[in-house]
Amino acid sequence: MFIKIMAGIAGLVATIVVAGVSGLSFYLWPTGFYDHELAITPQVIQQLRDLQSEHKFGPNAATFIQAR
């Protein structure tokens, strides 16, 4: 009985690995339900460029101790 259970678990794991490696899981799993086209306008491009040019990281005054 124990051997049958272990064989079943091993078979299930092997099936999952084969489906993942072969790409079969992409056909079985519903990945495209929420896909939609992006509205990329010149305004969006400009907002992304503005965001890219911003300074994002710096010393945190609460944790940054400057050497004297």
N, C-alpha and C. Protein backbone atom coordinates (compact mmCIF):
# COMPACT_ATOMS: atom_id res chain seq x y z
N MET A 1 0.82 -1.20 0.00
CA MET A 1 0.00 0.00 0.00
C MET A 1 0.87 1.26 0.00
N PHE A 2 1.87 1.28 0.88
CA PHE A 2 2.77 2.43 0.97
C PHE A 2 3.53 2.64 -0.34
N ILE A 3 3.93 1.55 -0.97
CA ILE A 3 4.68 1.64 -2.22
C ILE A 3 3.79 2.22 -3.32
N LYS A 4 2.51 1.85 -3.34
CA LYS A 4 1.59 2.39 -4.34
C LYS A 4 1.39 3.89 -4.15
N ILE A 5 1.30 4.33 -2.91
CA ILE A 5 1.14 5.75 -2.63
C ILE A 5 2.38 6.51 -3.06
N MET A 6 3.55 6.00 -2.72
CA MET A 6 4.80 6.66 -3.10
C MET A 6 4.98 6.67 -4.62
N ALA A 7 4.59 5.59 -5.28
CA ALA A 7 4.67 5.54 -6.74
C ALA A 7 3.72 6.57 -7.35
N GLY A 8 2.54 6.72 -6.78
CA GLY A 8 1.60 7.72 -7.28
C GLY A 8 2.12 9.13 -7.11
N ILE A 9 2.72 9.41 -5.95
CA ILE A 9 3.30 10.73 -5.71
C ILE A 9 4.46 10.99 -6.67
N ALA A 10 5.32 9.99 -6.86
CA ALA A 10 6.44 10.13 -7.79
C ALA A 10 5.94 10.35 -9.22
N GLY A 11 4.88 9.66 -9.59
CA GLY A 11 4.31 9.84 -10.92
C GLY A 11 3.73 11.24 -11.09
N LEU A 12 3.07 11.74 -10.06
CA LEU A 12 2.50 13.08 -10.11
C LEU A 12 3.60 14.14 -10.24
N VAL A 13 4.65 13.99 -9.45
CA VAL A 13 5.78 14.93 -9.52
C VAL A 13 6.42 14.86 -10.91
N ALA A 14 6.62 13.67 -11.44
CA ALA A 14 7.22 13.52 -12.77
C ALA A 14 6.33 14.17 -13.83
N THR A 15 5.02 14.01 -13.71
CA THR A 15 4.10 14.61 -14.67
C THR A 15 4.17 16.14 -14.63
N ILE A 16 4.23 16.69 -13.42
CA ILE A 16 4.32 18.15 -13.27
C ILE A 16 5.63 18.66 -13.86
N VAL A 17 6.73 17.96 -13.60
CA VAL A 17 8.03 18.39 -14.14
C VAL A 17 8.03 18.31 -15.66
N VAL A 18 7.53 17.24 -16.22
CA VAL A 18 7.50 17.09 -17.68
C VAL A 18 6.61 18.16 -18.31
N ALA A 19 5.46 18.44 -17.69
CA ALA A 19 4.56 19.48 -18.22
C ALA A 19 5.23 20.85 -18.17
N GLY A 20 5.99 21.12 -17.12
CA GLY A 20 6.67 22.41 -17.02
C GLY A 20 7.82 22.53 -17.99
N VAL A 21 8.63 21.51 -18.12
CA VAL A 21 9.79 21.55 -19.00
C VAL A 21 9.38 21.58 -20.47
N SER A 22 8.35 20.85 -20.81
CA SER A 22 7.93 20.77 -22.21
C SER A 22 7.10 21.97 -22.65
N GLY A 23 6.60 22.76 -21.70
CA GLY A 23 5.75 23.89 -22.06
C GLY A 23 4.28 23.52 -22.15
N LEU A 24 3.95 22.29 -21.86
CA LEU A 24 2.56 21.84 -21.93
C LEU A 24 1.67 22.60 -20.95
N SER A 25 2.24 23.01 -19.82
CA SER A 25 1.43 23.71 -18.82
C SER A 25 0.95 25.07 -19.34
N PHE A 26 1.65 25.67 -20.30
CA PHE A 26 1.20 26.94 -20.86
C PHE A 26 -0.06 26.76 -21.72
N TYR A 27 -0.23 25.58 -22.28
CA TYR A 27 -1.44 25.32 -23.06
C TYR A 27 -2.61 24.96 -22.15
N LEU A 28 -2.32 24.35 -21.02
CA LEU A 28 -3.38 23.91 -20.12
C LEU A 28 -3.81 25.00 -19.14
N TRP A 29 -2.88 25.84 -18.72
CA TRP A 29 -3.18 26.87 -17.72
C TRP A 29 -3.75 28.11 -18.42
N PRO A 30 -4.84 28.65 -17.93
CA PRO A 30 -5.46 29.82 -18.60
C PRO A 30 -4.69 31.10 -18.30
N THR A 31 -3.67 31.39 -19.08
CA THR A 31 -2.82 32.56 -18.82
C THR A 31 -3.29 33.80 -19.55
N GLY A 32 -4.18 33.71 -20.51
CA GLY A 32 -4.53 34.85 -21.33
C GLY A 32 -5.85 35.51 -21.00
N PHE A 33 -6.45 35.21 -19.86
CA PHE A 33 -7.76 35.78 -19.56
C PHE A 33 -7.74 37.29 -19.42
N TYR A 34 -6.70 37.84 -18.82
CA TYR A 34 -6.68 39.26 -18.52
C TYR A 34 -5.77 40.04 -19.46
N ASP A 35 -5.39 39.47 -20.55
CA ASP A 35 -4.54 40.17 -21.51
C ASP A 35 -5.35 41.25 -22.22
N HIS A 36 -4.74 42.39 -22.40
CA HIS A 36 -5.34 43.46 -23.18
C HIS A 36 -4.22 44.33 -23.74
N GLU A 37 -4.55 45.08 -24.76
CA GLU A 37 -3.54 45.94 -25.38
C GLU A 37 -3.26 47.13 -24.47
N LEU A 38 -2.00 47.53 -24.45
CA LEU A 38 -1.61 48.70 -23.68
C LEU A 38 -1.79 49.95 -24.53
N ALA A 39 -2.29 50.99 -23.91
CA ALA A 39 -2.46 52.26 -24.61
C ALA A 39 -1.21 53.10 -24.37
N ILE A 40 -0.26 53.02 -25.29
CA ILE A 40 0.99 53.75 -25.19
C ILE A 40 0.86 55.02 -26.02
N THR A 41 0.71 56.12 -25.33
CA THR A 41 0.57 57.42 -25.99
C THR A 41 1.83 58.23 -25.74
N PRO A 42 2.02 59.31 -26.47
CA PRO A 42 3.17 60.18 -26.19
C PRO A 42 3.18 60.69 -24.74
N GLN A 43 2.00 60.89 -24.17
CA GLN A 43 1.93 61.34 -22.78
C GLN A 43 2.47 60.26 -21.84
N VAL A 44 2.14 59.01 -22.10
CA VAL A 44 2.63 57.90 -21.27
C VAL A 44 4.15 57.79 -21.41
N ILE A 45 4.65 57.91 -22.62
CA ILE A 45 6.09 57.85 -22.85
C ILE A 45 6.79 58.97 -22.07
N GLN A 46 6.23 60.17 -22.09
CA GLN A 46 6.83 61.28 -21.37
C GLN A 46 6.79 61.04 -19.86
N GLN A 47 5.70 60.49 -19.35
CA GLN A 47 5.61 60.18 -17.92
C GLN A 47 6.65 59.14 -17.53
N LEU A 48 6.87 58.16 -18.38
CA LEU A 48 7.89 57.13 -18.09
C LEU A 48 9.28 57.74 -18.12
N ARG A 49 9.53 58.64 -19.07
CA ARG A 49 10.85 59.30 -19.12
C ARG A 49 11.07 60.16 -17.89
N ASP A 50 10.02 60.87 -17.45
CA ASP A 50 10.14 61.68 -16.24
C ASP A 50 10.44 60.81 -15.03
N LEU A 51 9.76 59.70 -14.94
CA LEU A 51 9.99 58.77 -13.83
C LEU A 51 11.40 58.21 -13.88
N GLN A 52 11.87 57.91 -15.07
CA GLN A 52 13.21 57.35 -15.22
C GLN A 52 14.29 58.35 -14.79
N SER A 53 14.04 59.62 -15.03
CA SER A 53 15.06 60.61 -14.71
C SER A 53 15.05 61.04 -13.25
N GLU A 54 14.04 60.66 -12.49
CA GLU A 54 13.97 61.04 -11.08
C GLU A 54 15.04 60.32 -10.27
N HIS A 55 15.53 61.00 -9.23
CA HIS A 55 16.46 60.39 -8.29
C HIS A 55 15.63 59.53 -7.33
N LYS A 56 15.89 58.26 -7.30
CA LYS A 56 15.03 57.35 -6.56
C LYS A 56 15.58 56.92 -5.22
N PHE A 57 16.87 56.82 -5.10
CA PHE A 57 17.45 56.30 -3.88
C PHE A 57 18.53 57.23 -3.36
N GLY A 58 18.59 57.32 -2.06
CA GLY A 58 19.61 58.13 -1.43
C GLY A 58 19.75 57.70 0.01
N PRO A 59 20.58 58.38 0.76
CA PRO A 59 20.75 58.01 2.15
C PRO A 59 19.45 58.23 2.93
N ASN A 60 19.13 57.28 3.77
CA ASN A 60 17.96 57.39 4.63
C ASN A 60 18.44 58.02 5.93
N ALA A 61 17.90 59.17 6.26
CA ALA A 61 18.36 59.90 7.45
C ALA A 61 18.15 59.10 8.74
N ALA A 62 17.18 58.22 8.75
CA ALA A 62 16.90 57.44 9.96
C ALA A 62 17.94 56.34 10.17
N THR A 63 18.55 55.85 9.12
CA THR A 63 19.49 54.74 9.25
C THR A 63 20.90 55.06 8.79
N PHE A 64 21.08 56.17 8.10
CA PHE A 64 22.37 56.51 7.53
C PHE A 64 23.20 57.28 8.55
N ILE A 65 24.34 56.75 8.89
CA ILE A 65 25.26 57.42 9.83
C ILE A 65 26.50 57.78 9.05
N GLN A 66 26.77 59.06 8.97
CA GLN A 66 27.92 59.52 8.20
C GLN A 66 29.17 59.46 9.09
N ALA A 67 30.25 58.96 8.50
CA ALA A 67 31.52 58.88 9.24
C ALA A 67 32.07 60.29 9.45
N ARG A 68 32.68 60.50 10.60
CA ARG A 68 33.24 61.84 10.90
C ARG A 68 34.70 61.88 10.65
